[in-house]
C-alpha cells in the first residue's frame, strides 16, 4: 500500500521507491496476520503528516504502526496504490469497498517548503 505524489502505471515494479509512504504487508516486513485477518472486512486508516514526516496506520480503529515519510520534497499525497508483490498468482485477493479522503484545512501552511 503506497501513498504517492505522482502517477505510476499499475505494472511499475519500482513505484514504491519514489513513494511518500509505503506499508508492506507480509512476511518480508509485517506478518499479514498481525495486521489483517483473512476473509474479513477491515477499515484501514492512513493519517499522514508532512510536518512530522510520518504516517500513522490504524486498523479497525486500533493504532498499529507509524511509518516514516520516504521522500521529503513533495507537493502532497494524491495517489493511493495497492499492489501485490508476489510473482506467483494469489488464490486470495483484495476488495476495496470505498476510499475516503479527509483534509484538515485548519492546519496553517508551513512558512517555507524545503526544495
N, C-alpha and C. Protein backbone atom coordinates (compact mmCIF):
# COMPACT_ATOMS: atom_id res chain seq x y z
N UNK A 1 0.87 -1.16 0.00
CA UNK A 1 0.00 0.00 0.00
C UNK A 1 0.91 1.22 0.00
N UNK A 2 0.74 2.11 -0.97
CA UNK A 2 1.58 3.30 -1.02
C UNK A 2 0.74 4.55 -1.21
N UNK A 3 1.23 5.62 -0.61
CA UNK A 3 0.72 6.96 -0.87
C UNK A 3 1.83 7.67 -1.62
N UNK A 4 1.47 8.31 -2.73
CA UNK A 4 2.49 8.96 -3.53
C UNK A 4 1.98 10.28 -4.09
N UNK A 5 2.88 11.04 -4.67
CA UNK A 5 2.53 12.34 -5.22
C UNK A 5 2.58 12.36 -6.74
N UNK A 6 2.60 11.18 -7.35
CA UNK A 6 2.65 11.11 -8.81
C UNK A 6 2.02 9.80 -9.28
N UNK A 7 1.59 9.79 -10.52
CA UNK A 7 1.01 8.59 -11.10
C UNK A 7 2.11 7.61 -11.50
N UNK A 8 1.88 6.35 -11.22
CA UNK A 8 2.74 5.26 -11.71
C UNK A 8 1.84 4.22 -12.32
N UNK A 9 2.28 3.64 -13.42
CA UNK A 9 1.45 2.61 -14.05
C UNK A 9 1.31 1.42 -13.11
N UNK A 10 0.21 0.69 -13.19
CA UNK A 10 -0.03 -0.44 -12.28
C UNK A 10 1.06 -1.51 -12.32
N UNK A 11 1.75 -1.65 -13.42
CA UNK A 11 2.77 -2.69 -13.53
C UNK A 11 4.18 -2.18 -13.19
N UNK A 12 4.30 -0.95 -12.71
CA UNK A 12 5.60 -0.39 -12.33
C UNK A 12 6.07 -1.06 -11.04
N UNK A 13 7.09 -1.91 -11.16
CA UNK A 13 7.56 -2.69 -10.02
C UNK A 13 8.48 -1.89 -9.09
N UNK A 14 8.79 -0.66 -9.47
CA UNK A 14 9.65 0.16 -8.63
C UNK A 14 8.95 1.42 -8.12
N UNK A 15 7.64 1.47 -8.25
CA UNK A 15 6.89 2.66 -7.85
C UNK A 15 7.06 2.98 -6.37
N UNK A 16 7.20 1.96 -5.56
CA UNK A 16 7.35 2.18 -4.12
C UNK A 16 8.64 2.93 -3.78
N UNK A 17 9.63 2.85 -4.65
CA UNK A 17 10.90 3.52 -4.39
C UNK A 17 10.77 5.04 -4.38
N UNK A 18 9.78 5.56 -5.08
CA UNK A 18 9.57 7.00 -5.16
C UNK A 18 8.28 7.44 -4.47
N UNK A 19 7.78 6.61 -3.58
CA UNK A 19 6.54 6.96 -2.90
C UNK A 19 6.81 7.83 -1.68
N UNK A 20 5.76 8.41 -1.15
CA UNK A 20 5.87 9.18 0.08
C UNK A 20 5.84 8.26 1.29
N UNK A 21 4.90 7.32 1.29
CA UNK A 21 4.75 6.36 2.38
C UNK A 21 4.47 5.00 1.79
N UNK A 22 5.09 3.97 2.34
CA UNK A 22 4.86 2.61 1.87
C UNK A 22 4.60 1.70 3.06
N UNK A 23 3.51 0.97 2.99
CA UNK A 23 3.16 -0.02 4.00
C UNK A 23 3.16 -1.38 3.32
N UNK A 24 4.06 -2.25 3.72
CA UNK A 24 4.14 -3.58 3.14
C UNK A 24 3.56 -4.58 4.13
N UNK A 25 2.64 -5.40 3.66
CA UNK A 25 2.04 -6.44 4.50
C UNK A 25 2.55 -7.78 4.02
N UNK A 26 3.05 -8.59 4.93
CA UNK A 26 3.51 -9.91 4.54
C UNK A 26 4.78 -10.28 5.27
N UNK A 27 5.30 -11.45 4.98
CA UNK A 27 6.44 -11.97 5.71
C UNK A 27 7.73 -11.16 5.57
N UNK A 28 7.84 -10.34 4.53
CA UNK A 28 9.06 -9.55 4.35
C UNK A 28 9.16 -8.40 5.34
N UNK A 29 8.03 -7.94 5.88
CA UNK A 29 8.09 -6.81 6.81
C UNK A 29 7.16 -7.01 7.99
N UNK A 30 5.88 -6.92 7.75
CA UNK A 30 4.89 -7.14 8.80
C UNK A 30 4.13 -8.42 8.48
N UNK A 31 4.04 -9.32 9.42
CA UNK A 31 3.20 -10.50 9.15
C UNK A 31 1.78 -10.07 8.86
N UNK A 32 1.22 -10.56 7.76
CA UNK A 32 -0.13 -10.15 7.37
C UNK A 32 -1.14 -10.47 8.47
N UNK A 33 -0.95 -11.58 9.17
CA UNK A 33 -1.90 -11.94 10.21
C UNK A 33 -1.83 -10.99 11.40
N UNK A 34 -0.72 -10.25 11.52
CA UNK A 34 -0.61 -9.27 12.60
C UNK A 34 -1.50 -8.06 12.33
N UNK A 35 -1.68 -7.71 11.09
CA UNK A 35 -2.42 -6.51 10.76
C UNK A 35 -3.84 -6.82 10.27
N UNK A 36 -4.00 -7.80 9.41
CA UNK A 36 -5.30 -8.10 8.83
C UNK A 36 -5.61 -9.59 8.90
N UNK A 37 -6.84 -9.91 9.24
CA UNK A 37 -7.29 -11.30 9.21
C UNK A 37 -7.89 -11.58 7.84
N UNK A 38 -7.65 -12.76 7.32
CA UNK A 38 -8.20 -13.14 6.02
C UNK A 38 -9.71 -13.30 6.11
N UNK A 39 -10.36 -13.15 4.99
CA UNK A 39 -11.80 -13.39 4.86
C UNK A 39 -12.63 -12.52 5.79
N UNK A 40 -12.20 -11.28 6.02
CA UNK A 40 -12.96 -10.36 6.85
C UNK A 40 -12.74 -8.94 6.34
N UNK A 41 -13.75 -8.09 6.51
CA UNK A 41 -13.61 -6.69 6.15
C UNK A 41 -12.84 -5.97 7.23
N UNK A 42 -11.99 -5.04 6.83
CA UNK A 42 -11.23 -4.23 7.77
C UNK A 42 -11.25 -2.78 7.31
N UNK A 43 -11.16 -1.89 8.27
CA UNK A 43 -11.04 -0.47 7.95
C UNK A 43 -9.59 -0.08 8.19
N UNK A 44 -8.93 0.34 7.13
CA UNK A 44 -7.53 0.75 7.19
C UNK A 44 -7.49 2.28 7.08
N UNK A 45 -6.90 2.93 8.06
CA UNK A 45 -6.81 4.38 8.08
C UNK A 45 -5.35 4.79 8.02
N UNK A 46 -5.02 5.64 7.06
CA UNK A 46 -3.67 6.18 6.92
C UNK A 46 -3.77 7.68 7.19
N UNK A 47 -3.11 8.15 8.23
CA UNK A 47 -3.12 9.57 8.59
C UNK A 47 -1.70 10.10 8.46
N UNK A 48 -1.45 10.85 7.40
CA UNK A 48 -0.09 11.33 7.18
C UNK A 48 0.03 12.79 7.57
N UNK A 49 1.24 13.14 7.96
CA UNK A 49 1.52 14.48 8.43
C UNK A 49 2.90 14.89 7.90
N UNK A 50 2.92 15.86 6.98
CA UNK A 50 4.19 16.29 6.40
C UNK A 50 5.08 16.99 7.40
N UNK A 51 4.50 17.60 8.42
CA UNK A 51 5.32 18.29 9.43
C UNK A 51 6.14 17.29 10.25
N UNK A 52 5.51 16.20 10.67
CA UNK A 52 6.24 15.19 11.45
C UNK A 52 6.89 14.15 10.56
N UNK A 53 6.59 14.21 9.24
CA UNK A 53 7.15 13.27 8.26
C UNK A 53 6.84 11.81 8.62
N UNK A 54 5.60 11.58 9.06
CA UNK A 54 5.16 10.24 9.44
C UNK A 54 3.75 9.98 8.94
N UNK A 55 3.39 8.71 8.93
CA UNK A 55 2.04 8.28 8.59
C UNK A 55 1.61 7.26 9.64
N UNK A 56 0.54 7.56 10.34
CA UNK A 56 0.01 6.65 11.36
C UNK A 56 -0.94 5.67 10.68
N UNK A 57 -0.76 4.38 10.95
CA UNK A 57 -1.59 3.34 10.36
C UNK A 57 -2.50 2.78 11.45
N UNK A 58 -3.80 2.81 11.19
CA UNK A 58 -4.77 2.23 12.10
C UNK A 58 -5.57 1.17 11.37
N UNK A 59 -5.83 0.08 12.06
CA UNK A 59 -6.66 -0.98 11.51
C UNK A 59 -7.84 -1.17 12.44
N UNK A 60 -9.03 -1.00 11.91
CA UNK A 60 -10.25 -1.14 12.69
C UNK A 60 -10.22 -0.28 13.95
N UNK A 61 -9.68 0.95 13.82
CA UNK A 61 -9.63 1.89 14.93
C UNK A 61 -8.50 1.68 15.91
N UNK A 62 -7.67 0.67 15.68
CA UNK A 62 -6.55 0.36 16.57
C UNK A 62 -5.25 0.87 15.94
N UNK A 63 -4.52 1.70 16.67
CA UNK A 63 -3.24 2.21 16.17
C UNK A 63 -2.25 1.06 16.10
N UNK A 64 -1.73 0.80 14.92
CA UNK A 64 -0.84 -0.35 14.72
C UNK A 64 0.61 0.05 14.50
N UNK A 65 0.84 1.00 13.62
CA UNK A 65 2.21 1.31 13.21
C UNK A 65 2.33 2.78 12.84
N UNK A 66 3.55 3.28 12.89
CA UNK A 66 3.88 4.58 12.35
C UNK A 66 4.98 4.35 11.33
N UNK A 67 4.77 4.83 10.11
CA UNK A 67 5.77 4.62 9.06
C UNK A 67 6.37 5.98 8.68
N UNK A 68 7.65 5.99 8.34
CA UNK A 68 8.32 7.25 8.03
C UNK A 68 8.00 7.74 6.62
N UNK A 69 8.09 9.05 6.43
CA UNK A 69 7.96 9.64 5.09
C UNK A 69 9.27 9.37 4.36
N UNK A 70 9.19 8.81 3.16
CA UNK A 70 10.37 8.41 2.41
C UNK A 70 10.94 9.51 1.53
N UNK A 71 10.11 10.43 1.11
CA UNK A 71 10.51 11.47 0.17
C UNK A 71 10.14 12.81 0.80
N UNK A 72 11.10 13.71 0.94
CA UNK A 72 10.82 14.95 1.66
C UNK A 72 10.38 16.10 0.76
N UNK A 73 10.70 16.06 -0.49
CA UNK A 73 10.30 17.13 -1.40
C UNK A 73 9.03 16.69 -2.12
N UNK A 74 7.92 17.36 -1.81
CA UNK A 74 6.65 16.96 -2.39
C UNK A 74 5.62 18.06 -2.23
N UNK A 75 4.66 18.08 -3.12
CA UNK A 75 3.52 18.99 -3.01
C UNK A 75 2.37 18.33 -2.27
N UNK A 76 2.49 17.05 -1.94
CA UNK A 76 1.44 16.37 -1.19
C UNK A 76 1.02 15.06 -1.81
N UNK A 77 0.37 14.25 -1.01
CA UNK A 77 -0.09 12.93 -1.46
C UNK A 77 -1.37 13.08 -2.28
N UNK A 78 -1.42 12.39 -3.42
CA UNK A 78 -2.63 12.42 -4.24
C UNK A 78 -2.93 11.10 -4.95
N UNK A 79 -2.15 10.08 -4.70
CA UNK A 79 -2.43 8.76 -5.27
C UNK A 79 -2.30 7.70 -4.18
N UNK A 80 -3.26 6.80 -4.14
CA UNK A 80 -3.23 5.64 -3.24
C UNK A 80 -3.10 4.42 -4.13
N UNK A 81 -2.05 3.62 -3.90
CA UNK A 81 -1.81 2.43 -4.74
C UNK A 81 -1.86 1.17 -3.90
N UNK A 82 -2.46 0.14 -4.44
CA UNK A 82 -2.43 -1.20 -3.87
C UNK A 82 -1.76 -2.09 -4.90
N UNK A 83 -0.77 -2.86 -4.47
CA UNK A 83 -0.09 -3.75 -5.42
C UNK A 83 0.34 -5.02 -4.69
N UNK A 84 0.10 -6.15 -5.33
CA UNK A 84 0.57 -7.43 -4.81
C UNK A 84 2.02 -7.59 -5.24
N UNK A 85 2.90 -7.91 -4.29
CA UNK A 85 4.32 -8.01 -4.59
C UNK A 85 4.74 -9.39 -5.06
N UNK A 86 3.88 -10.37 -4.92
CA UNK A 86 4.21 -11.74 -5.28
C UNK A 86 4.36 -11.90 -6.78
N UNK A 87 5.31 -12.73 -7.19
CA UNK A 87 5.46 -13.06 -8.61
C UNK A 87 4.50 -14.18 -9.01
N UNK A 88 3.98 -14.90 -8.03
CA UNK A 88 3.05 -16.01 -8.27
C UNK A 88 1.61 -15.53 -8.14
N UNK A 89 0.71 -16.08 -8.93
CA UNK A 89 -0.71 -15.72 -8.77
C UNK A 89 -1.18 -16.08 -7.36
N UNK A 90 -2.05 -15.27 -6.85
CA UNK A 90 -2.56 -15.47 -5.49
C UNK A 90 -3.96 -16.06 -5.55
N UNK A 91 -4.24 -16.96 -4.62
CA UNK A 91 -5.59 -17.51 -4.53
C UNK A 91 -6.51 -16.51 -3.87
N UNK A 92 -5.95 -15.64 -3.08
CA UNK A 92 -6.76 -14.64 -2.38
C UNK A 92 -6.94 -13.41 -3.22
N UNK A 93 -7.11 -12.32 -2.57
CA UNK A 93 -7.28 -11.07 -3.28
C UNK A 93 -7.55 -9.97 -2.29
N UNK A 94 -7.88 -8.83 -2.82
CA UNK A 94 -8.15 -7.67 -2.01
C UNK A 94 -9.35 -6.96 -2.60
N UNK A 95 -10.35 -6.73 -1.77
CA UNK A 95 -11.52 -5.98 -2.19
C UNK A 95 -11.49 -4.64 -1.48
N UNK A 96 -11.67 -3.57 -2.24
CA UNK A 96 -11.72 -2.23 -1.67
C UNK A 96 -13.16 -1.75 -1.84
N UNK A 97 -13.84 -1.56 -0.72
CA UNK A 97 -15.23 -1.12 -0.78
C UNK A 97 -15.32 0.37 -1.09
N UNK A 98 -14.49 1.15 -0.45
CA UNK A 98 -14.51 2.59 -0.71
C UNK A 98 -13.22 3.23 -0.22
N UNK A 99 -12.95 4.42 -0.73
CA UNK A 99 -11.81 5.22 -0.30
C UNK A 99 -12.34 6.61 0.00
N UNK A 100 -11.98 7.13 1.16
CA UNK A 100 -12.41 8.45 1.57
C UNK A 100 -11.18 9.26 1.95
N UNK A 101 -11.11 10.50 1.49
CA UNK A 101 -10.01 11.39 1.86
C UNK A 101 -10.59 12.55 2.65
N UNK A 102 -9.94 12.86 3.75
CA UNK A 102 -10.35 13.99 4.57
C UNK A 102 -9.14 14.89 4.77
N UNK A 103 -9.28 16.16 4.43
CA UNK A 103 -8.17 17.10 4.51
C UNK A 103 -8.46 18.09 5.63
N UNK A 104 -7.48 18.28 6.50
CA UNK A 104 -7.61 19.22 7.60
C UNK A 104 -7.20 20.60 7.10
N UNK A 105 -8.18 21.45 6.82
CA UNK A 105 -7.90 22.78 6.30
C UNK A 105 -7.52 23.76 7.40
N UNK A 106 -7.61 23.35 8.66
CA UNK A 106 -7.27 24.23 9.78
C UNK A 106 -5.78 24.22 10.11
N UNK A 107 -5.02 23.41 9.41
CA UNK A 107 -3.58 23.36 9.64
C UNK A 107 -2.94 24.51 8.88
N UNK A 108 -2.24 25.41 9.58
CA UNK A 108 -1.63 26.54 8.87
C UNK A 108 -0.52 26.06 7.94
N UNK A 109 -0.33 26.72 6.80
CA UNK A 109 0.74 26.31 5.87
C UNK A 109 2.10 26.57 6.49
N UNK A 110 3.07 25.77 6.07
CA UNK A 110 4.43 25.97 6.54
C UNK A 110 4.98 27.27 5.97
N UNK A 111 5.91 27.90 6.70
CA UNK A 111 6.50 29.15 6.25
C UNK A 111 7.35 28.94 5.00
N UNK A 112 8.04 27.82 4.95
CA UNK A 112 8.83 27.53 3.76
C UNK A 112 8.84 26.04 3.53
N UNK A 113 8.82 25.66 2.28
CA UNK A 113 8.84 24.26 1.89
C UNK A 113 10.22 23.94 1.39
N UNK A 114 10.89 22.91 1.98
CA UNK A 114 12.25 22.57 1.51
C UNK A 114 12.23 22.12 0.06
N UNK A 115 13.19 22.54 -0.69
CA UNK A 115 13.29 22.16 -2.11
C UNK A 115 14.57 21.40 -2.34
